[in-house]
Amino acid sequence: MLTQEQILEKLREWMDELFEIAPETVQLESHLGSDLDVDSIDAIDLVVKIKELTGKQVNPEDFKSVRTVQDVVTVIQNMSAE
């Protein structure tokens, strides 16, 4: 299973690659919408990356409550533990 730090590093890479967000600005407490300017369309790209990482389809219900980077990390950890 991936550690929180490993997942955070992956998220930083993805945010830089997909949305040109500087990796150092991606913190666990960062709010996806207000802090990082990630909208619902951008979230779809993120879901695709999560699927590539875990090899599993992201349950839309699991992703509805995602608001912060920590929430994304938790979703990925839960998926990789299944």
C-alpha atoms as a PDB file:
ATOM      1  CA  MET A   1       0.000   0.000   0.000  1.00  0.00           C
ATOM      2  CA  LEU A   2       1.188   3.500  -0.800  1.00  0.00           C
ATOM      3  CA  THR A   3       2.080   5.809   2.060  1.00  0.00           C
ATOM      4  CA  GLN A   4       0.541   9.236   2.495  1.00  0.00           C
ATOM      5  CA  GLU A   5       3.857  10.816   1.504  1.00  0.00           C
ATOM      6  CA  GLN A   6       4.129   8.717  -1.683  1.00  0.00           C
ATOM      7  CA  ILE A   7       0.596   9.658  -2.688  1.00  0.00           C
ATOM      8  CA  LEU A   8       1.223  13.338  -1.941  1.00  0.00           C
ATOM      9  CA  GLU A   9       4.322  13.247  -4.165  1.00  0.00           C
ATOM     10  CA  LYS A  10       2.258  11.683  -6.981  1.00  0.00           C
ATOM     11  CA  LEU A  11      -0.429  14.340  -6.557  1.00  0.00           C
ATOM     12  CA  ARG A  12       2.192  17.076  -6.735  1.00  0.00           C
ATOM     13  CA  GLU A  13       3.510  15.584 -10.002  1.00  0.00           C
ATOM     14  CA  TRP A  14      -0.008  15.340 -11.450  1.00  0.00           C
ATOM     15  CA  MET A  15      -0.963  18.880 -10.415  1.00  0.00           C
ATOM     16  CA  ASP A  16       2.158  20.217 -12.100  1.00  0.00           C
ATOM     17  CA  GLU A  17       1.716  18.059 -15.207  1.00  0.00           C
ATOM     18  CA  LEU A  18      -2.042  18.534 -15.654  1.00  0.00           C
ATOM     19  CA  PHE A  19      -2.747  22.008 -14.303  1.00  0.00           C
ATOM     20  CA  GLU A  20       0.682  23.711 -14.082  1.00  0.00           C
ATOM     21  CA  ILE A  21       0.312  24.074 -10.303  1.00  0.00           C
ATOM     22  CA  ALA A  22       3.670  24.437  -8.557  1.00  0.00           C
ATOM     23  CA  PRO A  23       4.334  21.257  -6.524  1.00  0.00           C
ATOM     24  CA  GLU A  24       5.280  23.209  -3.388  1.00  0.00           C
ATOM     25  CA  THR A  25       1.797  24.776  -3.278  1.00  0.00           C
ATOM     26  CA  VAL A  26       0.132  21.343  -3.073  1.00  0.00           C
ATOM     27  CA  GLN A  27      -0.193  20.653   0.656  1.00  0.00           C
ATOM     28  CA  LEU A  28      -2.453  18.200   2.487  1.00  0.00           C
ATOM     29  CA  GLU A  29      -4.609  21.043   3.780  1.00  0.00           C
ATOM     30  CA  SER A  30      -4.888  22.727   0.344  1.00  0.00           C
ATOM     31  CA  HIS A  31      -8.485  23.101  -0.823  1.00  0.00           C
ATOM     32  CA  LEU A  32      -8.794  21.867  -4.403  1.00  0.00           C
ATOM     33  CA  GLY A  33     -11.184  24.603  -5.510  1.00  0.00           C
ATOM     34  CA  SER A  34     -10.256  27.753  -3.623  1.00  0.00           C
ATOM     35  CA  ASP A  35      -6.518  27.152  -3.087  1.00  0.00           C
ATOM     36  CA  LEU A  36      -5.532  25.230  -6.216  1.00  0.00           C
ATOM     37  CA  ASP A  37      -8.252  26.357  -8.643  1.00  0.00           C
ATOM     38  CA  VAL A  38      -9.141  22.770  -9.605  1.00  0.00           C
ATOM     39  CA  ASP A  39     -12.685  22.670 -10.978  1.00  0.00           C
ATOM     40  CA  SER A  40     -15.027  19.760 -11.698  1.00  0.00           C
ATOM     41  CA  ILE A  41     -13.678  19.333 -15.240  1.00  0.00           C
ATOM     42  CA  ASP A  42     -10.122  19.197 -13.880  1.00  0.00           C
ATOM     43  CA  ALA A  43     -11.261  16.627 -11.322  1.00  0.00           C
ATOM     44  CA  ILE A  44     -12.080  14.245 -14.171  1.00  0.00           C
ATOM     45  CA  ASP A  45      -8.421  14.341 -15.265  1.00  0.00           C
ATOM     46  CA  LEU A  46      -7.438  13.633 -11.672  1.00  0.00           C
ATOM     47  CA  VAL A  47      -9.806  10.654 -11.505  1.00  0.00           C
ATOM     48  CA  VAL A  48      -8.182   9.226 -14.664  1.00  0.00           C
ATOM     49  CA  LYS A  49      -4.743   9.506 -13.020  1.00  0.00           C
ATOM     50  CA  ILE A  50      -6.040   7.816  -9.860  1.00  0.00           C
ATOM     51  CA  LYS A  51      -7.407   4.959 -11.955  1.00  0.00           C
ATOM     52  CA  GLU A  52      -4.023   4.581 -13.700  1.00  0.00           C
ATOM     53  CA  LEU A  53      -2.252   4.502 -10.319  1.00  0.00           C
ATOM     54  CA  THR A  54      -4.583   2.076  -8.547  1.00  0.00           C
ATOM     55  CA  GLY A  55      -5.807   0.044 -11.514  1.00  0.00           C
ATOM     56  CA  LYS A  56      -9.339   0.521 -10.205  1.00  0.00           C
ATOM     57  CA  GLN A  57     -12.335   2.570 -11.261  1.00  0.00           C
ATOM     58  CA  VAL A  58     -12.988   5.509  -8.930  1.00  0.00           C
ATOM     59  CA  ASN A  59     -16.408   5.318  -7.328  1.00  0.00           C
ATOM     60  CA  PRO A  60     -18.142   8.672  -8.011  1.00  0.00           C
ATOM     61  CA  GLU A  61     -19.707   8.502  -4.538  1.00  0.00           C
ATOM     62  CA  ASP A  62     -16.231   8.334  -2.977  1.00  0.00           C
ATOM     63  CA  PHE A  63     -15.138  11.401  -4.906  1.00  0.00           C
ATOM     64  CA  LYS A  64     -18.213  13.567  -4.229  1.00  0.00           C
ATOM     65  CA  SER A  65     -17.006  14.555  -0.766  1.00  0.00           C
ATOM     66  CA  VAL A  66     -13.431  15.321  -1.860  1.00  0.00           C
ATOM     67  CA  ARG A  67     -12.546  18.930  -1.070  1.00  0.00           C
ATOM     68  CA  THR A  68      -8.885  18.928  -0.039  1.00  0.00           C
ATOM     69  CA  VAL A  69      -5.657  17.240  -1.075  1.00  0.00           C
ATOM     70  CA  GLN A  70      -5.925  15.153   2.124  1.00  0.00           C
ATOM     71  CA  ASP A  71      -9.336  13.898   0.918  1.00  0.00           C
ATOM     72  CA  VAL A  72      -7.774  12.761  -2.376  1.00  0.00           C
ATOM     73  CA  VAL A  73      -4.955  11.023  -0.492  1.00  0.00           C
ATOM     74  CA  THR A  74      -7.523   9.207   1.679  1.00  0.00           C
ATOM     75  CA  VAL A  75      -9.522   8.047  -1.367  1.00  0.00           C
ATOM     76  CA  ILE A  76      -6.354   6.679  -3.010  1.00  0.00           C
ATOM     77  CA  GLN A  77      -5.254   4.937   0.203  1.00  0.00           C
ATOM     78  CA  ASN A  78      -8.682   3.345   0.595  1.00  0.00           C
ATOM     79  CA  MET A  79      -8.700   2.189  -3.033  1.00  0.00           C
ATOM     80  CA  SER A  80      -5.213   0.712  -2.842  1.00  0.00           C
ATOM     81  CA  ALA A  81      -6.114  -1.118   0.384  1.00  0.00           C
ATOM     82  CA  GLU A  82      -9.102  -2.871  -1.218  1.00  0.00           C
END
